[in-house]
Amino acid sequence: MRLFSYVVAQDFGFAPNPFYGFCTLATCKPKIRKGAGIGDWIIGTGSSGRGKVQDRREFLVYAMCVTEVMTFNEYWNDLRFRRKRPNLKGSLKQGYGDNIYFRNETGDWHQQNSHHSYEGGKQNCHNLCRDTQADRVLISNDYFYWGGEGPKIPEKFLNYNGEDIRKKGSGHKNKFSPDLVEEFIKWLRSLDTSGYTGEPLDW
């Protein structure tokens, strides 16, 4: 079991998408999506203060244990995730759907009109190229999503024998001692919450 940690720079409920009973990571973070497997944990911490948003670097946004891995085509065609296809004329939850990619009959990528396309549904090649570096969607039905109401990380995990559970800055890290990962997951399990419990911070 590994743990991947990164900063959720923008929290719109898009990456990750915590709605409809599943937390999914289907866009952004291609290195995590390529490297993480079933049974691994992913945690997202808050970012530094900006505008009227307070500094959230010591707080969790979400944590998920990967329970399934799919290709984009499998994700697109799975009826369980049909509601995660974006509807930009619907609610915020519908508008930030992350089920946006599949390969057509000729093998070319299709990008659905979404948070990652240009206005009017025009393909955003920058986002498409980054997102499809890893043809993998990470899925969890064992997750905690707090959005802007996440718990503060206990001090001991910010300096656990010299290790900090947080990733500072861009990218991610996943080289933690087994003891730190075990203790951190035990703490997560002790929280009286699960699933989707709070709105995305940037709503």
N, C-alpha and C. Protein backbone atom coordinates (compact mmCIF):
# COMPACT_ATOMS: atom_id res chain seq x y z
N MET A 1 0.84 -1.20 0.00
CA MET A 1 0.00 0.00 0.00
C MET A 1 0.87 1.24 0.00
N ARG A 2 0.61 2.11 -0.96
CA ARG A 2 1.34 3.37 -1.04
C ARG A 2 0.38 4.54 -0.81
N LEU A 3 0.94 5.68 -0.51
CA LEU A 3 0.15 6.89 -0.34
C LEU A 3 0.75 7.98 -1.21
N PHE A 4 -0.10 8.60 -2.02
CA PHE A 4 0.28 9.70 -2.90
C PHE A 4 -0.31 10.99 -2.33
N SER A 5 0.52 12.01 -2.19
CA SER A 5 0.08 13.26 -1.60
C SER A 5 0.37 14.42 -2.55
N TYR A 6 -0.61 15.33 -2.68
CA TYR A 6 -0.40 16.51 -3.52
C TYR A 6 -1.31 17.64 -3.05
N VAL A 7 -1.06 18.83 -3.58
CA VAL A 7 -1.85 20.01 -3.25
C VAL A 7 -2.98 20.16 -4.26
N VAL A 8 -4.21 20.31 -3.78
CA VAL A 8 -5.34 20.60 -4.65
C VAL A 8 -5.38 22.12 -4.84
N ALA A 9 -4.76 22.57 -5.92
CA ALA A 9 -4.61 24.02 -6.13
C ALA A 9 -5.95 24.70 -6.38
N GLN A 10 -6.84 24.01 -7.08
CA GLN A 10 -8.18 24.53 -7.35
C GLN A 10 -9.19 23.42 -7.05
N ASP A 11 -10.14 23.74 -6.22
CA ASP A 11 -11.10 22.74 -5.77
C ASP A 11 -12.50 23.10 -6.27
N PHE A 12 -12.85 22.58 -7.46
CA PHE A 12 -14.15 22.81 -8.06
C PHE A 12 -15.03 21.56 -8.06
N GLY A 13 -14.54 20.46 -7.51
CA GLY A 13 -15.28 19.20 -7.62
C GLY A 13 -15.09 18.54 -8.97
N PHE A 14 -14.01 18.92 -9.65
CA PHE A 14 -13.70 18.36 -10.98
C PHE A 14 -12.58 17.34 -10.89
N ALA A 15 -11.49 17.70 -10.25
CA ALA A 15 -10.37 16.78 -10.05
C ALA A 15 -9.85 16.96 -8.62
N PRO A 16 -10.33 16.12 -7.69
CA PRO A 16 -11.18 14.95 -7.93
C PRO A 16 -12.66 15.35 -8.06
N ASN A 17 -13.44 14.38 -8.56
CA ASN A 17 -14.89 14.53 -8.66
C ASN A 17 -15.50 13.59 -7.62
N PRO A 18 -16.12 14.14 -6.56
CA PRO A 18 -16.55 13.29 -5.44
C PRO A 18 -18.04 12.94 -5.43
N PHE A 19 -18.71 13.09 -6.56
CA PHE A 19 -20.17 13.01 -6.57
C PHE A 19 -20.71 11.64 -6.99
N TYR A 20 -21.99 11.43 -6.69
CA TYR A 20 -22.74 10.24 -7.11
C TYR A 20 -22.17 8.94 -6.53
N GLY A 21 -21.62 9.04 -5.32
CA GLY A 21 -21.19 7.83 -4.62
C GLY A 21 -19.80 7.34 -4.94
N PHE A 22 -19.09 8.04 -5.81
CA PHE A 22 -17.73 7.66 -6.16
C PHE A 22 -16.84 8.90 -6.21
N CYS A 23 -15.63 8.75 -5.72
CA CYS A 23 -14.61 9.79 -5.91
C CYS A 23 -13.72 9.33 -7.07
N THR A 24 -13.61 10.16 -8.09
CA THR A 24 -12.86 9.77 -9.28
C THR A 24 -11.79 10.81 -9.61
N LEU A 25 -10.67 10.31 -10.06
CA LEU A 25 -9.60 11.17 -10.55
C LEU A 25 -9.39 10.77 -12.01
N ALA A 26 -9.99 11.59 -12.91
CA ALA A 26 -10.01 11.27 -14.33
C ALA A 26 -9.31 12.33 -15.17
N THR A 27 -8.92 13.42 -14.55
CA THR A 27 -8.22 14.49 -15.26
C THR A 27 -7.09 14.98 -14.37
N CYS A 28 -6.18 15.74 -14.95
CA CYS A 28 -5.03 16.26 -14.21
C CYS A 28 -4.21 15.10 -13.61
N LYS A 29 -3.15 15.42 -12.95
CA LYS A 29 -2.30 14.47 -12.22
C LYS A 29 -2.04 13.16 -12.97
N PRO A 30 -1.53 13.23 -14.22
CA PRO A 30 -1.30 12.00 -14.98
C PRO A 30 -0.27 11.07 -14.33
N LYS A 31 0.69 11.62 -13.63
CA LYS A 31 1.70 10.75 -13.00
C LYS A 31 1.10 9.94 -11.86
N ILE A 32 0.20 10.55 -11.10
CA ILE A 32 -0.48 9.79 -10.05
C ILE A 32 -1.40 8.75 -10.67
N ARG A 33 -2.16 9.14 -11.70
CA ARG A 33 -3.08 8.20 -12.33
C ARG A 33 -2.33 7.04 -12.99
N LYS A 34 -1.12 7.30 -13.45
CA LYS A 34 -0.32 6.24 -14.05
C LYS A 34 0.27 5.31 -13.00
N GLY A 35 0.65 5.88 -11.85
CA GLY A 35 1.41 5.10 -10.87
C GLY A 35 0.58 4.42 -9.80
N ALA A 36 -0.57 4.98 -9.44
CA ALA A 36 -1.35 4.43 -8.34
C ALA A 36 -2.16 3.22 -8.78
N GLY A 37 -2.34 2.29 -7.88
CA GLY A 37 -3.11 1.08 -8.17
C GLY A 37 -4.13 0.80 -7.09
N ILE A 38 -4.87 -0.26 -7.27
CA ILE A 38 -5.90 -0.64 -6.32
C ILE A 38 -5.27 -0.88 -4.95
N GLY A 39 -5.88 -0.29 -3.93
CA GLY A 39 -5.38 -0.40 -2.57
C GLY A 39 -4.50 0.75 -2.14
N ASP A 40 -4.03 1.55 -3.09
CA ASP A 40 -3.23 2.73 -2.75
C ASP A 40 -4.15 3.87 -2.32
N TRP A 41 -3.57 4.78 -1.56
CA TRP A 41 -4.31 5.96 -1.08
C TRP A 41 -3.80 7.21 -1.77
N ILE A 42 -4.72 8.15 -2.01
CA ILE A 42 -4.38 9.46 -2.54
C ILE A 42 -4.98 10.49 -1.61
N ILE A 43 -4.17 11.47 -1.21
CA ILE A 43 -4.70 12.54 -0.39
C ILE A 43 -4.40 13.87 -1.07
N GLY A 44 -5.34 14.79 -0.96
CA GLY A 44 -5.16 16.14 -1.47
C GLY A 44 -5.27 17.13 -0.33
N THR A 45 -4.26 17.98 -0.18
CA THR A 45 -4.27 18.99 0.86
C THR A 45 -4.61 20.35 0.26
N GLY A 46 -5.00 21.28 1.12
CA GLY A 46 -5.38 22.60 0.66
C GLY A 46 -4.19 23.43 0.22
N SER A 47 -4.50 24.54 -0.42
CA SER A 47 -3.45 25.42 -0.94
C SER A 47 -3.30 26.64 -0.04
N SER A 48 -2.29 27.45 -0.32
CA SER A 48 -2.06 28.67 0.44
C SER A 48 -3.18 29.67 0.15
N GLY A 49 -3.35 30.63 1.02
CA GLY A 49 -4.43 31.59 0.89
C GLY A 49 -4.32 32.42 -0.38
N ARG A 50 -5.46 32.72 -0.96
CA ARG A 50 -5.52 33.57 -2.14
C ARG A 50 -6.82 34.33 -2.11
N GLY A 51 -6.75 35.63 -2.36
CA GLY A 51 -7.96 36.43 -2.29
C GLY A 51 -8.56 36.39 -0.90
N LYS A 52 -9.83 35.98 -0.83
CA LYS A 52 -10.51 35.90 0.46
C LYS A 52 -10.43 34.51 1.07
N VAL A 53 -9.75 33.59 0.38
CA VAL A 53 -9.65 32.22 0.87
C VAL A 53 -8.49 32.12 1.84
N GLN A 54 -8.75 31.54 2.99
CA GLN A 54 -7.71 31.41 4.00
C GLN A 54 -6.69 30.35 3.60
N ASP A 55 -5.55 30.38 4.25
CA ASP A 55 -4.50 29.40 4.04
C ASP A 55 -4.99 28.03 4.50
N ARG A 56 -5.03 27.07 3.57
CA ARG A 56 -5.55 25.73 3.89
C ARG A 56 -4.47 24.65 3.78
N ARG A 57 -3.22 25.03 3.87
CA ARG A 57 -2.13 24.07 3.64
C ARG A 57 -2.05 22.97 4.70
N GLU A 58 -2.60 23.21 5.86
CA GLU A 58 -2.56 22.19 6.92
C GLU A 58 -3.87 21.42 7.03
N PHE A 59 -4.71 21.57 6.01
CA PHE A 59 -6.03 20.93 6.03
C PHE A 59 -6.18 19.97 4.85
N LEU A 60 -6.95 18.92 5.05
CA LEU A 60 -7.24 17.98 3.98
C LEU A 60 -8.42 18.45 3.14
N VAL A 61 -8.34 18.22 1.84
CA VAL A 61 -9.47 18.41 0.94
C VAL A 61 -10.19 17.08 0.75
N TYR A 62 -9.40 16.02 0.53
CA TYR A 62 -9.99 14.70 0.34
C TYR A 62 -8.95 13.62 0.56
N ALA A 63 -9.44 12.40 0.70
CA ALA A 63 -8.60 11.20 0.74
C ALA A 63 -9.39 10.07 0.12
N MET A 64 -8.75 9.28 -0.73
CA MET A 64 -9.44 8.17 -1.37
C MET A 64 -8.55 6.94 -1.44
N CYS A 65 -9.15 5.80 -1.20
CA CYS A 65 -8.47 4.53 -1.42
C CYS A 65 -8.92 4.02 -2.79
N VAL A 66 -7.98 3.78 -3.67
CA VAL A 66 -8.32 3.35 -5.03
C VAL A 66 -8.93 1.95 -4.98
N THR A 67 -10.16 1.84 -5.48
CA THR A 67 -10.84 0.54 -5.49
C THR A 67 -11.06 -0.01 -6.89
N GLU A 68 -10.92 0.84 -7.92
CA GLU A 68 -11.01 0.42 -9.32
C GLU A 68 -10.10 1.29 -10.18
N VAL A 69 -9.65 0.71 -11.28
CA VAL A 69 -8.89 1.46 -12.28
C VAL A 69 -9.48 1.15 -13.65
N MET A 70 -9.73 2.17 -14.46
CA MET A 70 -10.32 1.99 -15.78
C MET A 70 -9.58 2.81 -16.82
N THR A 71 -9.76 2.43 -18.08
CA THR A 71 -9.34 3.29 -19.18
C THR A 71 -10.42 4.36 -19.37
N PHE A 72 -10.10 5.39 -20.15
CA PHE A 72 -11.10 6.42 -20.42
C PHE A 72 -12.33 5.84 -21.13
N ASN A 73 -12.10 4.95 -22.09
CA ASN A 73 -13.25 4.37 -22.80
C ASN A 73 -14.13 3.54 -21.87
N GLU A 74 -13.50 2.80 -20.98
CA GLU A 74 -14.28 2.01 -20.02
C GLU A 74 -15.09 2.93 -19.11
N TYR A 75 -14.48 4.00 -18.69
CA TYR A 75 -15.15 4.96 -17.81
C TYR A 75 -16.32 5.63 -18.54
N TRP A 76 -16.08 6.04 -19.78
CA TRP A 76 -17.11 6.70 -20.57
C TRP A 76 -18.33 5.80 -20.77
N ASN A 77 -18.09 4.51 -20.99
CA ASN A 77 -19.17 3.58 -21.32
C ASN A 77 -19.83 2.92 -20.12
N ASP A 78 -19.26 3.08 -18.93
CA ASP A 78 -19.82 2.44 -17.74
C ASP A 78 -21.06 3.21 -17.29
N LEU A 79 -22.19 2.53 -17.21
CA LEU A 79 -23.44 3.19 -16.86
C LEU A 79 -23.41 3.83 -15.48
N ARG A 80 -22.58 3.31 -14.57
CA ARG A 80 -22.51 3.88 -13.23
C ARG A 80 -22.01 5.32 -13.25
N PHE A 81 -21.25 5.65 -14.30
CA PHE A 81 -20.61 6.97 -14.34
C PHE A 81 -21.19 7.87 -15.41
N ARG A 82 -22.34 7.49 -15.95
CA ARG A 82 -22.99 8.32 -16.96
C ARG A 82 -23.30 9.71 -16.41
N ARG A 83 -23.68 9.78 -15.12
CA ARG A 83 -24.02 11.07 -14.54
C ARG A 83 -22.80 11.96 -14.34
N LYS A 84 -21.61 11.40 -14.46
CA LYS A 84 -20.40 12.21 -14.34
C LYS A 84 -19.99 12.83 -15.68
N ARG A 85 -20.76 12.56 -16.74
CA ARG A 85 -20.55 13.32 -17.97
C ARG A 85 -21.07 14.74 -17.73
N PRO A 86 -20.31 15.76 -18.11
CA PRO A 86 -20.70 17.12 -17.76
C PRO A 86 -21.92 17.64 -18.50
N ASN A 87 -22.70 18.42 -17.79
CA ASN A 87 -23.82 19.16 -18.37
C ASN A 87 -23.64 20.61 -17.95
N LEU A 88 -23.11 21.43 -18.83
CA LEU A 88 -22.77 22.80 -18.47
C LEU A 88 -24.00 23.68 -18.28
N LYS A 89 -25.18 23.16 -18.64
CA LYS A 89 -26.41 23.92 -18.43
C LYS A 89 -27.12 23.46 -17.15
N GLY A 90 -26.53 22.51 -16.46
CA GLY A 90 -27.14 22.00 -15.25
C GLY A 90 -26.59 22.65 -13.99
N SER A 91 -26.64 21.94 -12.90
CA SER A 91 -26.13 22.43 -11.62
C SER A 91 -24.61 22.47 -11.63
N LEU A 92 -24.02 23.04 -10.59
CA LEU A 92 -22.55 23.04 -10.48
C LEU A 92 -22.03 21.61 -10.47
N LYS A 93 -22.70 20.75 -9.74
CA LYS A 93 -22.28 19.35 -9.68
C LYS A 93 -22.28 18.71 -11.07
N GLN A 94 -23.30 19.00 -11.85
CA GLN A 94 -23.36 18.46 -13.21
C GLN A 94 -22.34 19.13 -14.12
N GLY A 95 -22.13 20.41 -13.93
CA GLY A 95 -21.23 21.16 -14.80
C GLY A 95 -19.77 20.76 -14.66
N TYR A 96 -19.40 20.27 -13.48
CA TYR A 96 -18.00 19.88 -13.27
C TYR A 96 -17.79 18.37 -13.39
N GLY A 97 -18.62 17.71 -14.16
CA GLY A 97 -18.42 16.29 -14.43
C GLY A 97 -17.06 16.03 -15.07
N ASP A 98 -16.42 14.93 -14.69
CA ASP A 98 -15.06 14.63 -15.17
C ASP A 98 -15.01 13.50 -16.20
N ASN A 99 -16.16 12.98 -16.60
CA ASN A 99 -16.20 11.89 -17.58
C ASN A 99 -16.22 12.52 -18.98
N ILE A 100 -15.04 12.93 -19.47
CA ILE A 100 -14.99 13.81 -20.65
C ILE A 100 -14.18 13.26 -21.82
N TYR A 101 -13.55 12.10 -21.67
CA TYR A 101 -12.67 11.61 -22.74
C TYR A 101 -13.05 10.21 -23.20
N PHE A 102 -12.91 9.98 -24.51
CA PHE A 102 -12.92 8.63 -25.06
C PHE A 102 -12.27 8.68 -26.43
N ARG A 103 -11.83 7.53 -26.90
CA ARG A 103 -11.28 7.41 -28.25
C ARG A 103 -12.39 6.99 -29.20
N ASN A 104 -12.49 7.66 -30.34
CA ASN A 104 -13.50 7.31 -31.32
C ASN A 104 -13.05 6.15 -32.19
N GLU A 105 -13.82 5.81 -33.20
CA GLU A 105 -13.54 4.64 -34.03
C GLU A 105 -12.19 4.72 -34.74
N THR A 106 -11.71 5.92 -35.00
CA THR A 106 -10.42 6.09 -35.68
C THR A 106 -9.26 6.19 -34.70
N GLY A 107 -9.55 6.10 -33.42
CA GLY A 107 -8.50 6.16 -32.41
C GLY A 107 -8.17 7.56 -31.93
N ASP A 108 -8.88 8.57 -32.44
CA ASP A 108 -8.64 9.94 -32.02
C ASP A 108 -9.39 10.24 -30.72
N TRP A 109 -8.80 11.13 -29.93
CA TRP A 109 -9.42 11.48 -28.66
C TRP A 109 -10.59 12.45 -28.86
N HIS A 110 -11.67 12.19 -28.17
CA HIS A 110 -12.80 13.12 -28.08
C HIS A 110 -12.76 13.76 -26.71
N GLN A 111 -12.91 15.09 -26.68
CA GLN A 111 -12.99 15.84 -25.42
C GLN A 111 -14.38 16.46 -25.32
N GLN A 112 -15.14 16.04 -24.33
CA GLN A 112 -16.50 16.55 -24.14
C GLN A 112 -16.47 18.03 -23.73
N ASN A 113 -17.51 18.75 -24.11
CA ASN A 113 -17.65 20.13 -23.66
C ASN A 113 -17.67 20.13 -22.14
N SER A 114 -16.70 20.81 -21.53
CA SER A 114 -16.49 20.61 -20.10
C SER A 114 -15.61 21.72 -19.53
N HIS A 115 -15.28 21.57 -18.28
CA HIS A 115 -14.37 22.48 -17.58
C HIS A 115 -13.00 22.52 -18.25
N HIS A 116 -12.63 21.48 -18.97
CA HIS A 116 -11.31 21.41 -19.59
C HIS A 116 -11.31 21.72 -21.08
N SER A 117 -12.46 22.06 -21.65
CA SER A 117 -12.49 22.49 -23.05
C SER A 117 -12.61 24.01 -23.10
N TYR A 118 -12.50 24.55 -24.28
CA TYR A 118 -12.72 25.98 -24.45
C TYR A 118 -14.22 26.27 -24.51
N GLU A 119 -14.56 27.54 -24.41
CA GLU A 119 -15.96 27.95 -24.46
C GLU A 119 -16.61 27.47 -25.75
N GLY A 120 -17.81 26.96 -25.63
CA GLY A 120 -18.51 26.44 -26.79
C GLY A 120 -18.15 25.01 -27.14
N GLY A 121 -17.29 24.40 -26.32
CA GLY A 121 -16.92 23.01 -26.55
C GLY A 121 -15.73 22.81 -27.45
N LYS A 122 -15.06 23.88 -27.86
CA LYS A 122 -13.87 23.73 -28.69
C LYS A 122 -12.78 23.01 -27.92
N GLN A 123 -12.13 22.07 -28.59
CA GLN A 123 -11.13 21.24 -27.94
C GLN A 123 -9.97 22.07 -27.42
N ASN A 124 -9.60 21.83 -26.16
CA ASN A 124 -8.43 22.45 -25.54
C ASN A 124 -7.30 21.44 -25.61
N CYS A 125 -6.42 21.62 -26.56
CA CYS A 125 -5.37 20.62 -26.82
C CYS A 125 -4.39 20.52 -25.66
N HIS A 126 -4.15 21.63 -24.97
CA HIS A 126 -3.23 21.60 -23.82
C HIS A 126 -3.75 20.66 -22.75
N ASN A 127 -5.02 20.86 -22.36
CA ASN A 127 -5.60 19.99 -21.33
C ASN A 127 -5.72 18.56 -21.81
N LEU A 128 -6.12 18.37 -23.07
CA LEU A 128 -6.28 17.02 -23.61
C LEU A 128 -4.95 16.27 -23.57
N CYS A 129 -3.89 16.92 -24.03
CA CYS A 129 -2.58 16.25 -24.07
C CYS A 129 -2.08 15.89 -22.68
N ARG A 130 -2.29 16.80 -21.73
CA ARG A 130 -1.86 16.51 -20.36
C ARG A 130 -2.69 15.40 -19.74
N ASP A 131 -4.02 15.51 -19.86
CA ASP A 131 -4.90 14.53 -19.22
C ASP A 131 -4.71 13.12 -19.77
N THR A 132 -4.49 13.01 -21.08
CA THR A 132 -4.43 11.68 -21.71
C THR A 132 -3.02 11.08 -21.73
N GLN A 133 -2.08 11.72 -21.04
CA GLN A 133 -0.76 11.10 -20.89
C GLN A 133 -0.88 9.73 -20.22
N ALA A 134 -1.88 9.61 -19.36
CA ALA A 134 -2.15 8.33 -18.70
C ALA A 134 -3.60 7.96 -19.00
N ASP A 135 -3.80 6.88 -19.73
CA ASP A 135 -5.14 6.42 -20.08
C ASP A 135 -5.70 5.61 -18.91
N ARG A 136 -5.82 6.27 -17.78
CA ARG A 136 -6.26 5.60 -16.57
C ARG A 136 -7.12 6.55 -15.74
N VAL A 137 -8.21 6.02 -15.26
CA VAL A 137 -9.09 6.74 -14.34
C VAL A 137 -9.07 5.99 -13.01
N LEU A 138 -8.79 6.71 -11.93
CA LEU A 138 -8.77 6.11 -10.60
C LEU A 138 -10.12 6.34 -9.94
N ILE A 139 -10.68 5.28 -9.38
CA ILE A 139 -12.05 5.29 -8.86
C ILE A 139 -12.06 4.77 -7.43
N SER A 140 -12.90 5.38 -6.61
CA SER A 140 -13.01 4.92 -5.22
C SER A 140 -14.44 5.01 -4.72
N ASN A 141 -14.86 3.96 -4.03
CA ASN A 141 -16.11 4.04 -3.26
C ASN A 141 -15.78 3.99 -1.77
N ASP A 142 -14.51 4.21 -1.44
CA ASP A 142 -14.00 4.24 -0.07
C ASP A 142 -13.21 5.54 0.06
N TYR A 143 -13.92 6.62 0.37
CA TYR A 143 -13.26 7.92 0.32
C TYR A 143 -13.85 8.90 1.33
N PHE A 144 -13.11 9.98 1.52
CA PHE A 144 -13.52 11.10 2.36
C PHE A 144 -13.34 12.37 1.52
N TYR A 145 -14.40 13.12 1.36
CA TYR A 145 -14.27 14.39 0.65
C TYR A 145 -14.93 15.49 1.48
N TRP A 146 -14.09 16.45 1.90
CA TRP A 146 -14.57 17.55 2.74
C TRP A 146 -14.61 18.88 1.98
N GLY A 147 -13.92 19.00 0.86
CA GLY A 147 -13.85 20.27 0.16
C GLY A 147 -13.22 21.34 1.03
N GLY A 148 -13.94 22.45 1.19
CA GLY A 148 -13.42 23.56 1.98
C GLY A 148 -13.63 23.42 3.47
N GLU A 149 -14.13 22.26 3.92
CA GLU A 149 -14.41 22.05 5.34
C GLU A 149 -13.58 20.90 5.91
N GLY A 150 -12.45 20.63 5.29
CA GLY A 150 -11.63 19.50 5.70
C GLY A 150 -10.98 19.67 7.06
N PRO A 151 -10.64 18.55 7.69
CA PRO A 151 -10.02 18.60 9.01
C PRO A 151 -8.56 19.05 8.94
N LYS A 152 -8.12 19.64 10.04
CA LYS A 152 -6.71 20.00 10.14
C LYS A 152 -5.89 18.74 10.37
N ILE A 153 -4.79 18.64 9.69
CA ILE A 153 -3.92 17.48 9.83
C ILE A 153 -3.20 17.55 11.17
N PRO A 154 -3.26 16.51 11.98
CA PRO A 154 -2.56 16.54 13.27
C PRO A 154 -1.07 16.85 13.10
N GLU A 155 -0.56 17.59 14.05
CA GLU A 155 0.83 18.06 13.98
C GLU A 155 1.82 16.92 13.81
N LYS A 156 1.53 15.77 14.39
CA LYS A 156 2.51 14.68 14.33
C LYS A 156 2.75 14.19 12.91
N PHE A 157 1.76 14.41 12.01
CA PHE A 157 1.94 13.98 10.62
C PHE A 157 2.65 15.03 9.77
N LEU A 158 2.86 16.21 10.34
CA LEU A 158 3.61 17.24 9.63
C LEU A 158 5.10 17.14 9.92
N ASN A 159 5.41 16.38 10.95
CA ASN A 159 6.83 16.11 11.28
C ASN A 159 6.89 14.75 11.98
N TYR A 160 6.78 13.71 11.17
CA TYR A 160 6.77 12.34 11.67
C TYR A 160 8.17 11.76 11.46
N ASN A 161 8.98 11.88 12.48
CA ASN A 161 10.40 11.48 12.35
C ASN A 161 11.05 12.15 11.14
N GLY A 162 10.73 13.43 10.98
CA GLY A 162 11.31 14.20 9.89
C GLY A 162 10.52 14.17 8.60
N GLU A 163 9.43 13.40 8.53
CA GLU A 163 8.61 13.32 7.32
C GLU A 163 7.37 14.21 7.46
N ASP A 164 7.00 14.83 6.36
CA ASP A 164 5.78 15.64 6.30
C ASP A 164 4.83 14.97 5.31
N ILE A 165 3.63 14.66 5.76
CA ILE A 165 2.66 13.98 4.90
C ILE A 165 2.25 14.84 3.71
N ARG A 166 2.46 16.15 3.82
CA ARG A 166 2.05 17.08 2.76
C ARG A 166 3.12 17.18 1.67
N LYS A 167 2.66 17.43 0.46
CA LYS A 167 3.55 17.85 -0.62
C LYS A 167 3.45 19.36 -0.71
N LYS A 168 4.57 20.02 -0.67
CA LYS A 168 4.57 21.47 -0.78
C LYS A 168 4.90 21.85 -2.21
N GLY A 169 4.07 22.69 -2.81
CA GLY A 169 4.30 23.09 -4.20
C GLY A 169 3.66 22.12 -5.17
N SER A 170 4.09 22.19 -6.42
CA SER A 170 3.49 21.37 -7.47
C SER A 170 4.00 19.93 -7.41
N GLY A 171 3.40 19.09 -8.26
CA GLY A 171 3.80 17.68 -8.30
C GLY A 171 3.17 16.89 -7.17
N HIS A 172 3.78 15.74 -6.87
CA HIS A 172 3.29 14.90 -5.79
C HIS A 172 4.47 14.17 -5.16
N LYS A 173 4.21 13.54 -4.04
CA LYS A 173 5.23 12.65 -3.47
C LYS A 173 4.54 11.40 -2.94
N ASN A 174 5.29 10.29 -2.98
CA ASN A 174 4.72 9.03 -2.52
C ASN A 174 5.74 8.14 -1.83
N LYS A 175 6.83 8.72 -1.42
CA LYS A 175 7.85 7.94 -0.71
C LYS A 175 7.76 8.25 0.78
N PHE A 176 6.94 7.48 1.46
CA PHE A 176 6.73 7.63 2.89
C PHE A 176 7.08 6.32 3.59
N SER A 177 7.46 6.42 4.85
CA SER A 177 7.72 5.21 5.62
C SER A 177 6.41 4.47 5.86
N PRO A 178 6.45 3.14 5.89
CA PRO A 178 5.22 2.37 6.14
C PRO A 178 4.53 2.76 7.44
N ASP A 179 5.30 3.08 8.46
CA ASP A 179 4.71 3.45 9.74
C ASP A 179 3.88 4.72 9.62
N LEU A 180 4.40 5.72 8.88
CA LEU A 180 3.66 6.97 8.70
C LEU A 180 2.35 6.71 7.96
N VAL A 181 2.42 5.93 6.88
CA VAL A 181 1.21 5.64 6.10
C VAL A 181 0.19 4.91 6.97
N GLU A 182 0.65 3.91 7.71
CA GLU A 182 -0.26 3.13 8.56
C GLU A 182 -0.93 4.01 9.61
N GLU A 183 -0.15 4.86 10.26
CA GLU A 183 -0.69 5.72 11.31
C GLU A 183 -1.66 6.75 10.73
N PHE A 184 -1.32 7.27 9.55
CA PHE A 184 -2.18 8.27 8.94
C PHE A 184 -3.51 7.67 8.52
N ILE A 185 -3.49 6.48 7.92
CA ILE A 185 -4.74 5.82 7.52
C ILE A 185 -5.57 5.46 8.75
N LYS A 186 -4.91 5.05 9.81
CA LYS A 186 -5.62 4.74 11.05
C LYS A 186 -6.33 5.99 11.57
N TRP A 187 -5.66 7.14 11.49
CA TRP A 187 -6.29 8.39 11.91
C TRP A 187 -7.48 8.73 11.01
N LEU A 188 -7.32 8.57 9.69
CA LEU A 188 -8.44 8.82 8.78
C LEU A 188 -9.64 7.96 9.14
N ARG A 189 -9.40 6.68 9.39
CA ARG A 189 -10.48 5.76 9.70
C ARG A 189 -11.18 6.12 11.01
N SER A 190 -10.47 6.83 11.88
CA SER A 190 -11.06 7.19 13.17
C SER A 190 -12.02 8.37 13.07
N LEU A 191 -12.00 9.09 11.95
CA LEU A 191 -12.86 10.25 11.79
C LEU A 191 -14.30 9.80 11.58
N ASP A 192 -15.21 10.53 12.19
CA ASP A 192 -16.62 10.16 12.13
C ASP A 192 -17.26 10.74 10.87
N THR A 193 -16.75 10.30 9.71
CA THR A 193 -17.24 10.82 8.44
C THR A 193 -16.81 9.88 7.33
N SER A 194 -17.47 9.96 6.20
CA SER A 194 -17.04 9.25 5.00
C SER A 194 -17.83 9.78 3.82
N GLY A 195 -17.33 9.53 2.61
CA GLY A 195 -18.02 9.99 1.42
C GLY A 195 -17.96 11.50 1.27
N TYR A 196 -18.96 12.03 0.60
CA TYR A 196 -19.04 13.47 0.33
C TYR A 196 -19.71 14.18 1.49
N THR A 197 -18.99 15.11 2.12
CA THR A 197 -19.55 15.80 3.29
C THR A 197 -19.50 17.32 3.21
N GLY A 198 -18.78 17.89 2.24
CA GLY A 198 -18.67 19.34 2.15
C GLY A 198 -18.50 19.82 0.73
N GLU A 199 -18.96 21.03 0.45
CA GLU A 199 -18.86 21.58 -0.91
C GLU A 199 -17.42 21.91 -1.27
N PRO A 200 -17.10 21.85 -2.56
CA PRO A 200 -15.77 22.28 -3.02
C PRO A 200 -15.49 23.71 -2.58
N LEU A 201 -14.25 23.96 -2.20
CA LEU A 201 -13.87 25.27 -1.68
C LEU A 201 -14.12 26.38 -2.69
N ASP A 202 -13.88 26.13 -3.96
CA ASP A 202 -13.95 27.19 -4.97
C ASP A 202 -15.34 27.38 -5.56
N TRP A 203 -16.35 26.76 -4.98
CA TRP A 203 -17.73 27.06 -5.34
C TRP A 203 -18.15 28.37 -4.66
